[in-house]
PDB file of N, CA and C in Angstrom:
ATOM      1  N   UNK A   1       3.869  -4.982 -18.317  1.00  0.00           N
ATOM      2  CA  UNK A   1       2.794  -5.276 -18.435  1.00  0.00           C
ATOM      3  C   UNK A   1       2.326  -5.601 -17.139  1.00  0.00           C
ATOM      4  N   UNK A   2       1.097  -5.174 -16.319  1.00  0.00           N
ATOM      5  CA  UNK A   2       0.902  -5.404 -15.185  1.00  0.00           C
ATOM      6  C   UNK A   2       0.097  -6.681 -15.277  1.00  0.00           C
ATOM      7  N   UNK A   3       0.230  -7.793 -14.730  1.00  0.00           N
ATOM      8  CA  UNK A   3      -0.330  -9.309 -14.482  1.00  0.00           C
ATOM      9  C   UNK A   3      -1.223  -9.149 -13.656  1.00  0.00           C
ATOM     10  N   UNK A   4      -2.188 -10.263 -13.544  1.00  0.00           N
ATOM     11  CA  UNK A   4      -2.870 -10.785 -12.333  1.00  0.00           C
ATOM     12  C   UNK A   4      -2.628 -10.985 -11.046  1.00  0.00           C
ATOM     13  N   UNK A   5      -1.287 -11.795 -11.058  1.00  0.00           N
ATOM     14  CA  UNK A   5      -0.265 -11.327  -9.816  1.00  0.00           C
ATOM     15  C   UNK A   5      -0.128 -11.056  -9.168  1.00  0.00           C
ATOM     16  N   UNK A   6       0.529  -9.341  -9.819  1.00  0.00           N
ATOM     17  CA  UNK A   6       0.507  -8.377  -9.463  1.00  0.00           C
ATOM     18  C   UNK A   6      -0.467  -7.426  -8.811  1.00  0.00           C
ATOM     19  N   UNK A   7      -1.626  -7.408  -9.625  1.00  0.00           N
ATOM     20  CA  UNK A   7      -2.878  -7.205  -8.981  1.00  0.00           C
ATOM     21  C   UNK A   7      -2.974  -8.049  -7.469  1.00  0.00           C
ATOM     22  N   UNK A   8      -3.058  -8.947  -7.543  1.00  0.00           N
ATOM     23  CA  UNK A   8      -3.395 -10.020  -6.286  1.00  0.00           C
ATOM     24  C   UNK A   8      -2.487  -9.206  -5.103  1.00  0.00           C
ATOM     25  N   UNK A   9      -0.853  -9.398  -5.823  1.00  0.00           N
ATOM     26  CA  UNK A   9      -0.247  -9.034  -4.718  1.00  0.00           C
ATOM     27  C   UNK A   9      -0.142  -7.604  -4.347  1.00  0.00           C
ATOM     28  N   UNK A  10      -0.517  -6.557  -4.795  1.00  0.00           N
ATOM     29  CA  UNK A  10      -0.692  -5.742  -4.521  1.00  0.00           C
ATOM     30  C   UNK A  10      -2.210  -5.381  -3.604  1.00  0.00           C
ATOM     31  N   UNK A  11      -3.128  -6.208  -3.679  1.00  0.00           N
ATOM     32  CA  UNK A  11      -4.107  -6.274  -2.606  1.00  0.00           C
ATOM     33  C   UNK A  11      -3.892  -6.841  -1.849  1.00  0.00           C
ATOM     34  N   UNK A  12      -2.584  -8.189  -1.435  1.00  0.00           N
ATOM     35  CA  UNK A  12      -2.655  -8.746  -0.102  1.00  0.00           C
ATOM     36  C   UNK A  12      -1.643  -7.992   0.638  1.00  0.00           C
ATOM     37  N   UNK A  13      -0.552  -7.166   0.041  1.00  0.00           N
ATOM     38  CA  UNK A  13       0.579  -6.596   0.712  1.00  0.00           C
ATOM     39  C   UNK A  13      -0.174  -5.013   1.373  1.00  0.00           C
ATOM     40  N   UNK A  14      -1.006  -4.435   0.556  1.00  0.00           N
ATOM     41  CA  UNK A  14      -2.002  -3.381   0.786  1.00  0.00           C
ATOM     42  C   UNK A  14      -2.358  -3.310   2.040  1.00  0.00           C
ATOM     43  N   UNK A  15      -3.164  -4.438   2.180  1.00  0.00           N
ATOM     44  CA  UNK A  15      -3.846  -5.003   3.153  1.00  0.00           C
ATOM     45  C   UNK A  15      -3.550  -5.298   4.645  1.00  0.00           C
ATOM     46  N   UNK A  16      -2.220  -6.091   4.245  1.00  0.00           N
ATOM     47  CA  UNK A  16      -1.552  -5.867   5.455  1.00  0.00           C
ATOM     48  C   UNK A  16      -0.594  -4.889   6.063  1.00  0.00           C
ATOM     49  N   UNK A  17      -0.085  -3.870   4.812  1.00  0.00           N
ATOM     50  CA  UNK A  17       0.485  -2.836   5.082  1.00  0.00           C
ATOM     51  C   UNK A  17      -0.579  -2.034   5.972  1.00  0.00           C
ATOM     52  N   UNK A  18      -1.773  -1.810   5.801  1.00  0.00           N
ATOM     53  CA  UNK A  18      -2.835  -0.971   6.437  1.00  0.00           C
ATOM     54  C   UNK A  18      -2.623  -1.263   7.448  1.00  0.00           C
ATOM     55  N   UNK A  19      -3.042  -2.720   7.812  1.00  0.00           N
ATOM     56  CA  UNK A  19      -3.302  -3.167   9.202  1.00  0.00           C
ATOM     57  C   UNK A  19      -1.921  -3.253   9.952  1.00  0.00           C
ATOM     58  N   UNK A  20      -1.107  -3.360   9.743  1.00  0.00           N
ATOM     59  CA  UNK A  20       0.169  -2.761  10.348  1.00  0.00           C
ATOM     60  C   UNK A  20       0.341  -1.177  11.163  1.00  0.00           C
ATOM     61  N   UNK A  21      -0.231  -0.342   9.615  1.00  0.00           N
ATOM     62  CA  UNK A  21      -0.206   0.868  10.089  1.00  0.00           C
ATOM     63  C   UNK A  21      -1.088   1.189  10.991  1.00  0.00           C
ATOM     64  N   UNK A  22      -2.251   0.579  10.823  1.00  0.00           N
ATOM     65  CA  UNK A  22      -3.089   0.796  12.331  1.00  0.00           C
ATOM     66  C   UNK A  22      -2.791   0.399  13.344  1.00  0.00           C
ATOM     67  N   UNK A  23      -1.724  -0.733  13.621  1.00  0.00           N
ATOM     68  CA  UNK A  23      -1.025  -1.096  14.832  1.00  0.00           C
ATOM     69  C   UNK A  23      -0.283   0.078  15.088  1.00  0.00           C
ATOM     70  N   UNK A  24       0.827   0.682  14.419  1.00  0.00           N
ATOM     71  CA  UNK A  24       1.832   1.711  14.410  1.00  0.00           C
ATOM     72  C   UNK A  24       0.973   2.644  14.977  1.00  0.00           C
ATOM     73  N   UNK A  25       0.108   3.633  13.929  1.00  0.00           N
ATOM     74  CA  UNK A  25      -0.256   4.669  14.392  1.00  0.00           C
ATOM     75  C   UNK A  25      -1.884   4.774  15.355  1.00  0.00           C
ATOM     76  N   UNK A  26      -1.537   4.178  16.643  1.00  0.00           N
ATOM     77  CA  UNK A  26      -2.595   4.218  17.446  1.00  0.00           C
ATOM     78  C   UNK A  26      -3.005   5.276  17.451  1.00  0.00           C
ATOM     79  N   UNK A  27      -4.397   5.341  17.163  1.00  0.00           N
ATOM     80  CA  UNK A  27      -5.202   6.992  17.300  1.00  0.00           C
ATOM     81  C   UNK A  27      -4.957   7.614  16.117  1.00  0.00           C
ATOM     82  N   UNK A  28      -4.411   7.336  15.136  1.00  0.00           N
ATOM     83  CA  UNK A  28      -4.521   8.238  13.801  1.00  0.00           C
ATOM     84  C   UNK A  28      -5.036   7.429  12.671  1.00  0.00           C
ATOM     85  N   UNK A  29      -5.374   6.253  12.809  1.00  0.00           N
ATOM     86  CA  UNK A  29      -5.320   5.513  12.007  1.00  0.00           C
ATOM     87  C   UNK A  29      -7.194   5.588  11.445  1.00  0.00           C
ATOM     88  N   UNK A  30      -7.862   4.625  10.944  1.00  0.00           N
ATOM     89  CA  UNK A  30      -9.128   5.027   9.890  1.00  0.00           C
ATOM     90  C   UNK A  30      -9.702   3.971  10.414  1.00  0.00           C
ATOM     91  N   UNK A  31      -9.367   3.044  11.143  1.00  0.00           N
ATOM     92  CA  UNK A  31     -10.181   1.890  11.646  1.00  0.00           C
ATOM     93  C   UNK A  31      -9.469   0.722  10.680  1.00  0.00           C
ATOM     94  N   UNK A  32      -9.739  -0.642  11.614  1.00  0.00           N
ATOM     95  CA  UNK A  32      -9.382  -1.579  10.578  1.00  0.00           C
ATOM     96  C   UNK A  32      -9.595  -1.679   9.010  1.00  0.00           C
ATOM     97  N   UNK A  33     -10.703  -1.615   8.931  1.00  0.00           N
ATOM     98  CA  UNK A  33     -11.410  -1.838   7.334  1.00  0.00           C
ATOM     99  C   UNK A  33     -10.464  -0.367   6.416  1.00  0.00           C
ATOM    100  N   UNK A  34     -10.602   0.885   7.080  1.00  0.00           N
ATOM    101  CA  UNK A  34     -10.496   2.340   6.623  1.00  0.00           C
ATOM    102  C   UNK A  34      -8.926   2.083   6.032  1.00  0.00           C
ATOM    103  N   UNK A  35      -7.662   1.290   7.009  1.00  0.00           N
ATOM    104  CA  UNK A  35      -6.476   1.340   7.388  1.00  0.00           C
ATOM    105  C   UNK A  35      -6.291   0.526   5.894  1.00  0.00           C
ATOM    106  N   UNK A  36      -7.157  -0.579   5.956  1.00  0.00           N
ATOM    107  CA  UNK A  36      -6.527  -1.604   4.513  1.00  0.00           C
ATOM    108  C   UNK A  36      -7.204  -0.693   3.515  1.00  0.00           C
ATOM    109  N   UNK A  37      -8.070  -0.674   3.294  1.00  0.00           N
ATOM    110  CA  UNK A  37      -8.505   0.205   2.245  1.00  0.00           C
ATOM    111  C   UNK A  37      -7.613   0.892   1.475  1.00  0.00           C
ATOM    112  N   UNK A  38      -7.082   2.220   2.258  1.00  0.00           N
ATOM    113  CA  UNK A  38      -5.613   3.216   2.029  1.00  0.00           C
ATOM    114  C   UNK A  38      -4.581   2.324   1.573  1.00  0.00           C
ATOM    115  N   UNK A  39      -4.246   1.086   2.447  1.00  0.00           N
ATOM    116  CA  UNK A  39      -3.339   0.583   2.158  1.00  0.00           C
ATOM    117  C   UNK A  39      -3.535  -0.114   0.828  1.00  0.00           C
ATOM    118  N   UNK A  40      -4.277  -0.505   0.673  1.00  0.00           N
ATOM    119  CA  UNK A  40      -4.550  -1.449  -0.826  1.00  0.00           C
ATOM    120  C   UNK A  40      -4.864  -0.608  -2.153  1.00  0.00           C
ATOM    121  N   UNK A  41      -5.072   0.531  -1.589  1.00  0.00           N
ATOM    122  CA  UNK A  41      -5.002   1.838  -2.851  1.00  0.00           C
ATOM    123  C   UNK A  41      -3.845   2.261  -2.813  1.00  0.00           C
ATOM    124  N   UNK A  42      -2.998   2.395  -1.973  1.00  0.00           N
ATOM    125  CA  UNK A  42      -1.576   2.778  -1.835  1.00  0.00           C
ATOM    126  C   UNK A  42      -0.380   1.945  -2.542  1.00  0.00           C
ATOM    127  N   UNK A  43      -1.368   0.581  -2.315  1.00  0.00           N
ATOM    128  CA  UNK A  43      -0.425  -0.121  -2.981  1.00  0.00           C
ATOM    129  C   UNK A  43      -0.283  -0.357  -4.531  1.00  0.00           C
ATOM    130  N   UNK A  44      -1.507  -0.237  -4.731  1.00  0.00           N
ATOM    131  CA  UNK A  44      -1.821  -0.093  -6.267  1.00  0.00           C
ATOM    132  C   UNK A  44      -1.283   1.027  -6.780  1.00  0.00           C
ATOM    133  N   UNK A  45      -1.550   2.130  -6.618  1.00  0.00           N
ATOM    134  CA  UNK A  45      -0.647   3.502  -6.698  1.00  0.00           C
ATOM    135  C   UNK A  45       0.710   3.223  -6.838  1.00  0.00           C
ATOM    136  N   UNK A  46       1.321   2.766  -5.975  1.00  0.00           N
ATOM    137  CA  UNK A  46       2.735   2.622  -5.725  1.00  0.00           C
ATOM    138  C   UNK A  46       3.361   1.585  -6.809  1.00  0.00           C
ATOM    139  N   UNK A  47       2.498   0.671  -7.325  1.00  0.00           N
ATOM    140  CA  UNK A  47       2.712  -0.235  -8.606  1.00  0.00           C
ATOM    141  C   UNK A  47       2.900   0.087  -9.441  1.00  0.00           C
ATOM    142  N   UNK A  48       2.117   1.084 -10.062  1.00  0.00           N
ATOM    143  CA  UNK A  48       2.077   1.832 -11.096  1.00  0.00           C
ATOM    144  C   UNK A  48       3.379   3.165 -10.763  1.00  0.00           C
ATOM    145  N   UNK A  49       3.336   3.920  -9.963  1.00  0.00           N
ATOM    146  CA  UNK A  49       4.206   4.644  -9.936  1.00  0.00           C
ATOM    147  C   UNK A  49       5.757   4.387  -9.797  1.00  0.00           C
ATOM    148  N   UNK A  50       5.814   3.672  -8.695  1.00  0.00           N
ATOM    149  CA  UNK A  50       7.229   2.782  -8.515  1.00  0.00           C
ATOM    150  C   UNK A  50       7.646   1.691  -9.261  1.00  0.00           C
ATOM    151  N   UNK A  51       6.326   1.092 -10.530  1.00  0.00           N
ATOM    152  CA  UNK A  51       6.923   0.307 -10.988  1.00  0.00           C
ATOM    153  C   UNK A  51       8.113   0.087 -12.068  1.00  0.00           C
ATOM    154  N   UNK A  52       7.855   1.399 -12.340  1.00  0.00           N
ATOM    155  CA  UNK A  52       9.398   1.736 -13.574  1.00  0.00           C
ATOM    156  C   UNK A  52      10.562   1.428 -13.202  1.00  0.00           C
ATOM    157  N   UNK A  53      10.654   1.405 -11.819  1.00  0.00           N
ATOM    158  CA  UNK A  53      12.034   1.733 -11.091  1.00  0.00           C
ATOM    159  C   UNK A  53      12.228  -0.112 -10.658  1.00  0.00           C
ATOM    160  N   UNK A  54      11.413  -0.252  -9.996  1.00  0.00           N
ATOM    161  CA  UNK A  54      11.597  -1.614  -9.339  1.00  0.00           C
ATOM    162  C   UNK A  54      10.810  -3.454 -10.194  1.00  0.00           C
ATOM    163  N   UNK A  55      10.110  -2.720 -10.603  1.00  0.00           N
ATOM    164  CA  UNK A  55       9.226  -3.676 -11.893  1.00  0.00           C
ATOM    165  C   UNK A  55       8.170  -4.129 -11.355  1.00  0.00           C
ATOM    166  N   UNK A  56       7.073  -5.129 -12.042  1.00  0.00           N
ATOM    167  CA  UNK A  56       6.062  -5.066 -10.717  1.00  0.00           C
ATOM    168  C   UNK A  56       5.601  -6.873 -10.871  1.00  0.00           C
ATOM    169  N   UNK A  57       6.765  -7.509 -10.577  1.00  0.00           N
ATOM    170  CA  UNK A  57       6.609  -8.744 -10.717  1.00  0.00           C
ATOM    171  C   UNK A  57       7.860  -9.333  -9.501  1.00  0.00           C
ATOM    172  N   UNK A  58       7.493 -10.089  -9.066  1.00  0.00           N
ATOM    173  CA  UNK A  58       8.621 -10.895  -7.958  1.00  0.00           C
ATOM    174  C   UNK A  58       8.618  -9.748  -6.993  1.00  0.00           C
ATOM    175  N   UNK A  59      10.331  -9.710  -6.622  1.00  0.00           N
ATOM    176  CA  UNK A  59      10.415  -8.992  -5.076  1.00  0.00           C
ATOM    177  C   UNK A  59      10.272  -7.272  -5.352  1.00  0.00           C
ATOM    178  N   UNK A  60      10.764  -6.973  -6.955  1.00  0.00           N
ATOM    179  CA  UNK A  60      10.460  -5.603  -7.114  1.00  0.00           C
ATOM    180  C   UNK A  60       8.560  -5.424  -7.046  1.00  0.00           C
ATOM    181  N   UNK A  61       7.918  -6.117  -7.302  1.00  0.00           N
ATOM    182  CA  UNK A  61       6.335  -5.886  -6.942  1.00  0.00           C
ATOM    183  C   UNK A  61       5.854  -5.619  -5.706  1.00  0.00           C
ATOM    184  N   UNK A  62       6.706  -6.830  -4.767  1.00  0.00           N
ATOM    185  CA  UNK A  62       6.569  -6.126  -3.551  1.00  0.00           C
ATOM    186  C   UNK A  62       7.035  -5.018  -3.086  1.00  0.00           C
ATOM    187  N   UNK A  63       7.804  -4.812  -3.431  1.00  0.00           N
ATOM    188  CA  UNK A  63       8.529  -3.179  -3.006  1.00  0.00           C
ATOM    189  C   UNK A  63       7.913  -1.928  -3.598  1.00  0.00           C
ATOM    190  N   UNK A  64       7.386  -2.514  -4.873  1.00  0.00           N
ATOM    191  CA  UNK A  64       6.522  -1.471  -5.122  1.00  0.00           C
ATOM    192  C   UNK A  64       5.200  -0.801  -4.545  1.00  0.00           C
ATOM    193  N   UNK A  65       5.016  -2.221  -3.878  1.00  0.00           N
ATOM    194  CA  UNK A  65       3.475  -2.259  -3.373  1.00  0.00           C
ATOM    195  C   UNK A  65       3.595  -1.503  -2.131  1.00  0.00           C
ATOM    196  N   UNK A  66       4.922  -1.984  -0.981  1.00  0.00           N
ATOM    197  CA  UNK A  66       5.110  -1.515   0.112  1.00  0.00           C
ATOM    198  C   UNK A  66       5.277  -0.018   0.236  1.00  0.00           C
ATOM    199  N   UNK A  67       5.979   0.683  -0.978  1.00  0.00           N
ATOM    200  CA  UNK A  67       6.237   1.757  -1.060  1.00  0.00           C
ATOM    201  C   UNK A  67       5.263   2.448  -0.882  1.00  0.00           C
ATOM    202  N   UNK A  68       4.292   2.559  -2.393  1.00  0.00           N
ATOM    203  CA  UNK A  68       3.284   2.865  -2.049  1.00  0.00           C
ATOM    204  C   UNK A  68       2.378   2.827  -0.867  1.00  0.00           C
ATOM    205  N   UNK A  69       1.754   1.850  -0.792  1.00  0.00           N
ATOM    206  CA  UNK A  69       1.130   1.987   0.540  1.00  0.00           C
ATOM    207  C   UNK A  69       1.434   2.832   1.754  1.00  0.00           C
ATOM    208  N   UNK A  70       2.525   2.652   1.890  1.00  0.00           N
ATOM    209  CA  UNK A  70       3.352   3.309   2.995  1.00  0.00           C
ATOM    210  C   UNK A  70       3.190   4.759   2.687  1.00  0.00           C
ATOM    211  N   UNK A  71       3.526   5.373   1.569  1.00  0.00           N
ATOM    212  CA  UNK A  71       3.481   6.847   1.033  1.00  0.00           C
ATOM    213  C   UNK A  71       1.878   7.210   1.457  1.00  0.00           C
ATOM    214  N   UNK A  72       0.757   6.540   0.757  1.00  0.00           N
ATOM    215  CA  UNK A  72      -0.277   7.023   0.744  1.00  0.00           C
ATOM    216  C   UNK A  72      -0.714   7.052   2.331  1.00  0.00           C
ATOM    217  N   UNK A  73      -0.409   6.215   3.308  1.00  0.00           N
ATOM    218  CA  UNK A  73      -0.727   6.230   4.091  1.00  0.00           C
ATOM    219  C   UNK A  73      -0.331   7.263   5.259  1.00  0.00           C
ATOM    220  N   UNK A  74       0.550   7.760   5.094  1.00  0.00           N
ATOM    221  CA  UNK A  74       1.266   8.531   5.979  1.00  0.00           C
ATOM    222  C   UNK A  74       0.571   9.854   5.215  1.00  0.00           C
ATOM    223  N   UNK A  75       0.668  10.222   3.638  1.00  0.00           N
ATOM    224  CA  UNK A  75      -0.115  11.626   3.397  1.00  0.00           C
ATOM    225  C   UNK A  75      -1.841  11.320   3.819  1.00  0.00           C
ATOM    226  N   UNK A  76      -2.444  10.700   3.792  1.00  0.00           N
ATOM    227  CA  UNK A  76      -3.645  10.501   3.857  1.00  0.00           C
ATOM    228  C   UNK A  76      -4.085  10.914   5.734  1.00  0.00           C
ATOM    229  N   UNK A  77      -3.115  10.118   6.521  1.00  0.00           N
ATOM    230  CA  UNK A  77      -2.673  10.357   7.816  1.00  0.00           C
ATOM    231  C   UNK A  77      -2.808  12.139   8.194  1.00  0.00           C
ATOM    232  N   UNK A  78      -1.488  12.383   7.354  1.00  0.00           N
ATOM    233  CA  UNK A  78      -1.414  13.817   7.630  1.00  0.00           C
ATOM    234  C   UNK A  78      -2.782  14.752   7.368  1.00  0.00           C
ATOM    235  N   UNK A  79      -3.394  14.547   6.286  1.00  0.00           N
ATOM    236  CA  UNK A  79      -4.318  15.377   5.936  1.00  0.00           C
ATOM    237  C   UNK A  79      -5.447  15.181   6.541  1.00  0.00           C
ATOM    238  N   UNK A  80      -5.510  13.805   7.285  1.00  0.00           N
ATOM    239  CA  UNK A  80      -6.613  13.678   8.517  1.00  0.00           C
ATOM    240  C   UNK A  80      -6.299  14.649   9.568  1.00  0.00           C
ATOM    241  N   UNK A  81      -4.825  15.080   9.874  1.00  0.00           N
ATOM    242  CA  UNK A  81      -4.810  15.844  10.999  1.00  0.00           C
ATOM    243  C   UNK A  81      -5.353  17.230  10.987  1.00  0.00           C
TER     244      UNK A  81
END
């Protein structure tokens, strides 16, 4: 089950991944707050989708957050074009 620490981890990692994506995709991002928001939502979605594979706590939680945030940022970036 999802705990409060998993949720907080998704928020933190999502914000960091969103910020990094904005630095990597110069000119293709959504601004600082937009990238962070997409990263946070992607992190949560990744936790739900990939949680069965990697778990939602510890290192597995971080992996699921990162995967989800990256996938959503790529999808939203492609749709934006």
